Amino acid sequence: MKKVVVFVVGVIFIICTLGTMVHAGHGHINVNTATSEELQLLPGIGESIAQNIIEFRQANGQFSSLEDLVKVKGIGEAKLKNIKDFLKLEGTSDFDPTGIPSKQAK
């Protein structure tokens, strides 16, 4: 009986882990160089918020931390939490939204 419980818990863990990876996309977008189209690949970021990010960046310079994004109109703590794992401050953007349902991608 104990072996069955351990097996079932293990299977559930694997399914949950794979499910998260499939729906999360992978890679990162450089928030300091990203175009509007790149930013719109992020879950919950549409044209308006993407433009707000770019305008904020143009007016204030590059972001020095990802937490600075909460200063952008339309981005609060919850939205930042949803996109933070897909963002970086330096380097080339290499985000692939594969697996993110289209409703979440905008």
N, C-alpha and C. Protein backbone atom coordinates (compact mmCIF):
# COMPACT_ATOMS: atom_id res chain seq x y z
N MET A 1 0.82 -1.20 0.00
CA MET A 1 0.00 0.00 0.00
C MET A 1 0.87 1.27 0.00
N LYS A 2 1.93 1.25 0.81
CA LYS A 2 2.81 2.41 0.90
C LYS A 2 3.49 2.69 -0.45
N LYS A 3 3.86 1.63 -1.17
CA LYS A 3 4.49 1.79 -2.48
C LYS A 3 3.53 2.42 -3.48
N VAL A 4 2.26 2.07 -3.39
CA VAL A 4 1.25 2.62 -4.30
C VAL A 4 1.08 4.12 -4.04
N VAL A 5 1.03 4.52 -2.78
CA VAL A 5 0.88 5.93 -2.43
C VAL A 5 2.09 6.72 -2.94
N VAL A 6 3.28 6.21 -2.70
CA VAL A 6 4.49 6.89 -3.17
C VAL A 6 4.48 7.00 -4.69
N PHE A 7 4.08 5.95 -5.38
CA PHE A 7 4.00 5.96 -6.84
C PHE A 7 3.01 7.02 -7.33
N VAL A 8 1.83 7.06 -6.74
CA VAL A 8 0.79 8.00 -7.15
C VAL A 8 1.26 9.44 -6.91
N VAL A 9 1.85 9.69 -5.76
CA VAL A 9 2.36 11.04 -5.47
C VAL A 9 3.45 11.42 -6.48
N GLY A 10 4.31 10.47 -6.81
CA GLY A 10 5.36 10.74 -7.80
C GLY A 10 4.79 11.07 -9.16
N VAL A 11 3.79 10.33 -9.59
CA VAL A 11 3.15 10.58 -10.89
C VAL A 11 2.49 11.95 -10.90
N ILE A 12 1.79 12.29 -9.84
CA ILE A 12 1.14 13.61 -9.75
C ILE A 12 2.18 14.72 -9.82
N PHE A 13 3.29 14.55 -9.12
CA PHE A 13 4.36 15.55 -9.14
C PHE A 13 4.89 15.74 -10.56
N ILE A 14 5.15 14.66 -11.26
CA ILE A 14 5.68 14.74 -12.62
C ILE A 14 4.68 15.42 -13.55
N ILE A 15 3.42 15.07 -13.45
CA ILE A 15 2.38 15.68 -14.29
C ILE A 15 2.29 17.18 -14.03
N CYS A 16 2.30 17.57 -12.77
CA CYS A 16 2.23 19.00 -12.45
C CYS A 16 3.45 19.75 -12.95
N THR A 17 4.62 19.17 -12.81
CA THR A 17 5.85 19.81 -13.27
C THR A 17 5.84 19.96 -14.78
N LEU A 18 5.51 18.93 -15.50
CA LEU A 18 5.47 19.00 -16.97
C LEU A 18 4.38 19.95 -17.43
N GLY A 19 3.25 19.95 -16.77
CA GLY A 19 2.16 20.85 -17.13
C GLY A 19 2.56 22.30 -17.01
N THR A 20 3.31 22.62 -15.98
CA THR A 20 3.79 23.99 -15.80
C THR A 20 4.76 24.37 -16.90
N MET A 21 5.65 23.47 -17.26
CA MET A 21 6.62 23.79 -18.30
C MET A 21 5.95 23.96 -19.65
N VAL A 22 4.96 23.17 -19.96
CA VAL A 22 4.28 23.25 -21.25
C VAL A 22 3.55 24.57 -21.40
N HIS A 23 2.96 25.07 -20.31
CA HIS A 23 2.15 26.28 -20.41
C HIS A 23 2.91 27.55 -20.07
N ALA A 24 4.18 27.44 -19.75
CA ALA A 24 4.90 28.61 -19.31
C ALA A 24 5.73 29.28 -20.39
N GLY A 25 5.96 28.62 -21.50
CA GLY A 25 6.90 29.18 -22.47
C GLY A 25 8.29 29.06 -21.90
N HIS A 26 9.29 29.54 -22.61
CA HIS A 26 10.64 29.48 -22.07
C HIS A 26 11.50 30.56 -22.70
N GLY A 27 12.63 30.84 -22.07
CA GLY A 27 13.50 31.91 -22.51
C GLY A 27 13.15 33.21 -21.80
N HIS A 28 13.77 34.29 -22.26
CA HIS A 28 13.59 35.58 -21.61
C HIS A 28 13.49 36.70 -22.64
N ILE A 29 12.84 37.76 -22.23
CA ILE A 29 12.76 38.99 -23.03
C ILE A 29 13.53 40.06 -22.27
N ASN A 30 14.42 40.74 -22.97
CA ASN A 30 15.15 41.84 -22.38
C ASN A 30 14.22 43.05 -22.37
N VAL A 31 13.75 43.42 -21.21
CA VAL A 31 12.79 44.51 -21.07
C VAL A 31 13.39 45.86 -21.45
N ASN A 32 14.72 45.95 -21.48
CA ASN A 32 15.37 47.21 -21.84
C ASN A 32 15.56 47.41 -23.34
N THR A 33 15.36 46.36 -24.12
CA THR A 33 15.54 46.48 -25.58
C THR A 33 14.36 45.94 -26.38
N ALA A 34 13.40 45.32 -25.71
CA ALA A 34 12.30 44.64 -26.40
C ALA A 34 11.42 45.59 -27.19
N THR A 35 10.96 45.10 -28.32
CA THR A 35 9.97 45.82 -29.13
C THR A 35 8.59 45.57 -28.55
N SER A 36 7.63 46.32 -29.02
CA SER A 36 6.25 46.12 -28.59
C SER A 36 5.79 44.69 -28.90
N GLU A 37 6.14 44.21 -30.07
CA GLU A 37 5.74 42.86 -30.48
C GLU A 37 6.33 41.80 -29.56
N GLU A 38 7.58 41.98 -29.16
CA GLU A 38 8.20 41.03 -28.23
C GLU A 38 7.52 41.07 -26.87
N LEU A 39 7.26 42.26 -26.37
CA LEU A 39 6.62 42.40 -25.06
C LEU A 39 5.22 41.78 -25.06
N GLN A 40 4.53 41.86 -26.19
CA GLN A 40 3.18 41.30 -26.28
C GLN A 40 3.17 39.77 -26.28
N LEU A 41 4.31 39.14 -26.38
CA LEU A 41 4.39 37.70 -26.26
C LEU A 41 4.21 37.24 -24.81
N LEU A 42 4.42 38.17 -23.88
CA LEU A 42 4.30 37.84 -22.46
C LEU A 42 2.85 37.66 -22.05
N PRO A 43 2.59 36.73 -21.14
CA PRO A 43 1.21 36.52 -20.67
C PRO A 43 0.66 37.78 -20.00
N GLY A 44 -0.50 38.23 -20.46
CA GLY A 44 -1.17 39.37 -19.86
C GLY A 44 -0.69 40.73 -20.35
N ILE A 45 0.23 40.76 -21.31
CA ILE A 45 0.72 42.03 -21.84
C ILE A 45 0.19 42.23 -23.25
N GLY A 46 -0.64 43.25 -23.40
CA GLY A 46 -1.19 43.58 -24.71
C GLY A 46 -0.49 44.80 -25.28
N GLU A 47 -1.04 45.29 -26.35
CA GLU A 47 -0.43 46.43 -27.06
C GLU A 47 -0.28 47.66 -26.18
N SER A 48 -1.30 47.96 -25.39
CA SER A 48 -1.28 49.16 -24.56
C SER A 48 -0.19 49.11 -23.49
N ILE A 49 -0.11 48.02 -22.77
CA ILE A 49 0.91 47.91 -21.71
C ILE A 49 2.30 47.83 -22.33
N ALA A 50 2.44 47.15 -23.44
CA ALA A 50 3.73 47.09 -24.12
C ALA A 50 4.19 48.50 -24.48
N GLN A 51 3.28 49.30 -25.00
CA GLN A 51 3.61 50.68 -25.35
C GLN A 51 3.96 51.50 -24.11
N ASN A 52 3.23 51.25 -23.00
CA ASN A 52 3.55 51.95 -21.75
C ASN A 52 4.97 51.62 -21.27
N ILE A 53 5.38 50.36 -21.42
CA ILE A 53 6.74 49.96 -21.02
C ILE A 53 7.77 50.71 -21.86
N ILE A 54 7.55 50.75 -23.16
CA ILE A 54 8.49 51.42 -24.06
C ILE A 54 8.56 52.91 -23.77
N GLU A 55 7.40 53.54 -23.57
CA GLU A 55 7.38 54.98 -23.28
C GLU A 55 8.06 55.28 -21.95
N PHE A 56 7.83 54.44 -20.95
CA PHE A 56 8.48 54.64 -19.66
C PHE A 56 9.99 54.51 -19.81
N ARG A 57 10.42 53.53 -20.56
CA ARG A 57 11.85 53.30 -20.80
C ARG A 57 12.47 54.49 -21.53
N GLN A 58 11.77 55.03 -22.51
CA GLN A 58 12.29 56.18 -23.26
C GLN A 58 12.38 57.42 -22.39
N ALA A 59 11.41 57.61 -21.50
CA ALA A 59 11.38 58.79 -20.64
C ALA A 59 12.35 58.70 -19.45
N ASN A 60 12.60 57.48 -18.97
CA ASN A 60 13.35 57.32 -17.72
C ASN A 60 14.66 56.54 -17.86
N GLY A 61 14.95 56.07 -19.05
CA GLY A 61 16.15 55.26 -19.24
C GLY A 61 15.86 53.79 -18.96
N GLN A 62 16.89 52.99 -19.06
CA GLN A 62 16.73 51.55 -18.88
C GLN A 62 16.31 51.21 -17.45
N PHE A 63 15.63 50.09 -17.34
CA PHE A 63 15.23 49.58 -16.03
C PHE A 63 16.47 49.04 -15.34
N SER A 64 16.66 49.40 -14.08
CA SER A 64 17.81 48.89 -13.33
C SER A 64 17.46 47.64 -12.55
N SER A 65 16.15 47.40 -12.36
CA SER A 65 15.68 46.17 -11.73
C SER A 65 14.31 45.83 -12.30
N LEU A 66 13.97 44.57 -12.26
CA LEU A 66 12.66 44.16 -12.77
C LEU A 66 11.53 44.74 -11.92
N GLU A 67 11.79 44.98 -10.65
CA GLU A 67 10.79 45.54 -9.76
C GLU A 67 10.37 46.94 -10.18
N ASP A 68 11.23 47.64 -10.93
CA ASP A 68 10.90 48.98 -11.43
C ASP A 68 9.71 48.97 -12.39
N LEU A 69 9.38 47.80 -12.91
CA LEU A 69 8.25 47.71 -13.85
C LEU A 69 6.92 48.09 -13.21
N VAL A 70 6.82 48.01 -11.88
CA VAL A 70 5.55 48.39 -11.24
C VAL A 70 5.30 49.90 -11.35
N LYS A 71 6.29 50.65 -11.77
CA LYS A 71 6.13 52.08 -12.01
C LYS A 71 5.44 52.36 -13.34
N VAL A 72 5.32 51.33 -14.17
CA VAL A 72 4.69 51.46 -15.48
C VAL A 72 3.19 51.33 -15.33
N LYS A 73 2.44 52.24 -15.96
CA LYS A 73 0.98 52.19 -15.91
C LYS A 73 0.50 50.85 -16.47
N GLY A 74 -0.32 50.16 -15.68
CA GLY A 74 -0.89 48.88 -16.11
C GLY A 74 -0.17 47.67 -15.55
N ILE A 75 0.96 47.89 -14.87
CA ILE A 75 1.69 46.78 -14.27
C ILE A 75 1.70 46.94 -12.76
N GLY A 76 1.06 46.00 -12.10
CA GLY A 76 1.07 45.98 -10.65
C GLY A 76 1.88 44.78 -10.17
N GLU A 77 1.86 44.56 -8.90
CA GLU A 77 2.62 43.46 -8.30
C GLU A 77 2.19 42.10 -8.88
N ALA A 78 0.89 41.89 -9.06
CA ALA A 78 0.40 40.59 -9.56
C ALA A 78 0.86 40.35 -11.00
N LYS A 79 0.74 41.35 -11.84
CA LYS A 79 1.16 41.18 -13.24
C LYS A 79 2.67 40.97 -13.31
N LEU A 80 3.42 41.72 -12.51
CA LEU A 80 4.87 41.54 -12.50
C LEU A 80 5.23 40.12 -12.07
N LYS A 81 4.53 39.62 -11.08
CA LYS A 81 4.79 38.25 -10.63
C LYS A 81 4.56 37.24 -11.76
N ASN A 82 3.55 37.47 -12.59
CA ASN A 82 3.23 36.56 -13.70
C ASN A 82 4.26 36.60 -14.83
N ILE A 83 4.94 37.71 -15.00
CA ILE A 83 5.86 37.84 -16.14
C ILE A 83 7.33 37.87 -15.75
N LYS A 84 7.61 38.05 -14.48
CA LYS A 84 8.99 38.26 -14.01
C LYS A 84 9.95 37.14 -14.43
N ASP A 85 9.49 35.91 -14.41
CA ASP A 85 10.36 34.78 -14.77
C ASP A 85 10.75 34.78 -16.24
N PHE A 86 10.06 35.58 -17.06
CA PHE A 86 10.33 35.63 -18.50
C PHE A 86 11.16 36.85 -18.89
N LEU A 87 11.56 37.65 -17.92
CA LEU A 87 12.24 38.91 -18.20
C LEU A 87 13.69 38.90 -17.76
N LYS A 88 14.48 39.72 -18.43
CA LYS A 88 15.86 39.97 -18.01
C LYS A 88 16.20 41.41 -18.37
N LEU A 89 17.31 41.90 -17.83
CA LEU A 89 17.71 43.28 -18.02
C LEU A 89 18.84 43.45 -19.03
N GLU A 90 19.52 42.37 -19.37
CA GLU A 90 20.65 42.44 -20.29
C GLU A 90 20.61 41.28 -21.27
N GLY A 91 21.36 41.41 -22.36
CA GLY A 91 21.47 40.33 -23.32
C GLY A 91 20.36 40.35 -24.36
N THR A 92 20.38 39.33 -25.18
CA THR A 92 19.44 39.20 -26.29
C THR A 92 18.16 38.50 -25.84
N SER A 93 17.03 38.97 -26.32
CA SER A 93 15.76 38.30 -26.04
C SER A 93 15.73 36.96 -26.77
N ASP A 94 15.29 35.92 -26.07
CA ASP A 94 15.19 34.60 -26.67
C ASP A 94 13.91 33.88 -26.22
N PHE A 95 12.88 34.65 -25.92
CA PHE A 95 11.64 34.09 -25.40
C PHE A 95 10.87 33.35 -26.49
N ASP A 96 10.37 32.18 -26.14
CA ASP A 96 9.54 31.38 -27.02
C ASP A 96 8.22 31.11 -26.30
N PRO A 97 7.11 31.69 -26.78
CA PRO A 97 5.84 31.55 -26.09
C PRO A 97 5.14 30.21 -26.34
N THR A 98 5.79 29.25 -26.96
CA THR A 98 5.18 27.96 -27.26
C THR A 98 4.55 27.38 -26.01
N GLY A 99 3.30 27.01 -26.13
CA GLY A 99 2.60 26.40 -25.02
C GLY A 99 1.75 27.36 -24.21
N ILE A 100 1.93 28.67 -24.39
CA ILE A 100 1.08 29.62 -23.69
C ILE A 100 -0.22 29.76 -24.48
N PRO A 101 -1.36 29.47 -23.86
CA PRO A 101 -2.63 29.63 -24.58
C PRO A 101 -2.78 31.04 -25.09
N SER A 102 -3.34 31.20 -26.28
CA SER A 102 -3.41 32.53 -26.91
C SER A 102 -4.13 33.55 -26.06
N LYS A 103 -5.09 33.17 -25.24
CA LYS A 103 -5.78 34.11 -24.38
C LYS A 103 -4.82 34.71 -23.36
N GLN A 104 -3.89 33.91 -22.83
CA GLN A 104 -2.94 34.39 -21.86
C GLN A 104 -1.84 35.20 -22.51
N ALA A 105 -1.53 34.91 -23.75
CA ALA A 105 -0.42 35.57 -24.40
C ALA A 105 -0.69 37.04 -24.69
N LYS A 106 -1.91 37.48 -24.59
CA LYS A 106 -2.22 38.90 -24.85
C LYS A 106 -2.77 39.58 -23.65
